[in-house]
């Protein structure tokens, strides 16, 4: 999200919109043309585009959404027209939001209603590692994988980083948070990984950009561990997919069953349980 916000900021911030369309039913009559974009701010996995007049366009990409930036007159290549949810254009650039599952226009003074529940932002100016550790340890029995994905603890970790962080700290995702050695080192590593990858497409957690070697365990089920050579093993899910569980480099708890029960839905939680561990 940091890279998306950077690109939108470079294309739009400080410029006046000549076209501002929001193609969702509740905002279809809204026209932002004539207003200037003041700034674009990432907050965890949320994007806040602040617009002249005290308004904020709030968007969230989840799994399938994207913002694409084009030069004026350039052909749009992010998908068919029916997938376009937002068009913000200046005289020089056009930002097109595709398949945005969350798109809302709200007063800037009410941003807390959509991001106020988030924990410290790993890439934000308000980053507070001590507070992040405190929140993670508030429920010491909770599996570390769930705790990392809960954006109320710290904002910014998704499934890729969750899997890689657990591997790098030598624990399984089901290890109780209270049993994770050095939680402050876990938090520091999360910050380091996100910061190292913020300006690139995809993620590299191994330091090796070669195909098939960018991740330690994510996307590497049944393949040899890049560190110890044992196979990365997974456990089944109720949807038929598998998730990396353990190998010779990791210790700790295993799930109670091959397909752990789903957590209760929480509208404030950003974790997507569909993504493999």
Foldseek 3Di string as FASTA:
>chain_A
DLQQQVVCFVAFAPFFWQFKAFADVVCRPPTRHGKGFHGWDDQQQKIWTAIPPQKTKIFGQQPHKDKDKDFVPDDDDPDDPVQWGIWTDGNTMIITIGNTPDIDMDGNVCVCVQRVLFDAELPDPRHDLVQLLVQLCPFQQAFQLVSQQFRSSYGHDADQLSCQLCLVQQAWSRFGNNPRPPVSVSSVVSSVQCVVPVNDPDGADPPDPDPPRRGQAVVQAQAAGPPPGWGQHWAAAPVGDTAGGDTPRHDHDGAPHSHHDDDDDDVNGSYDVVGHD
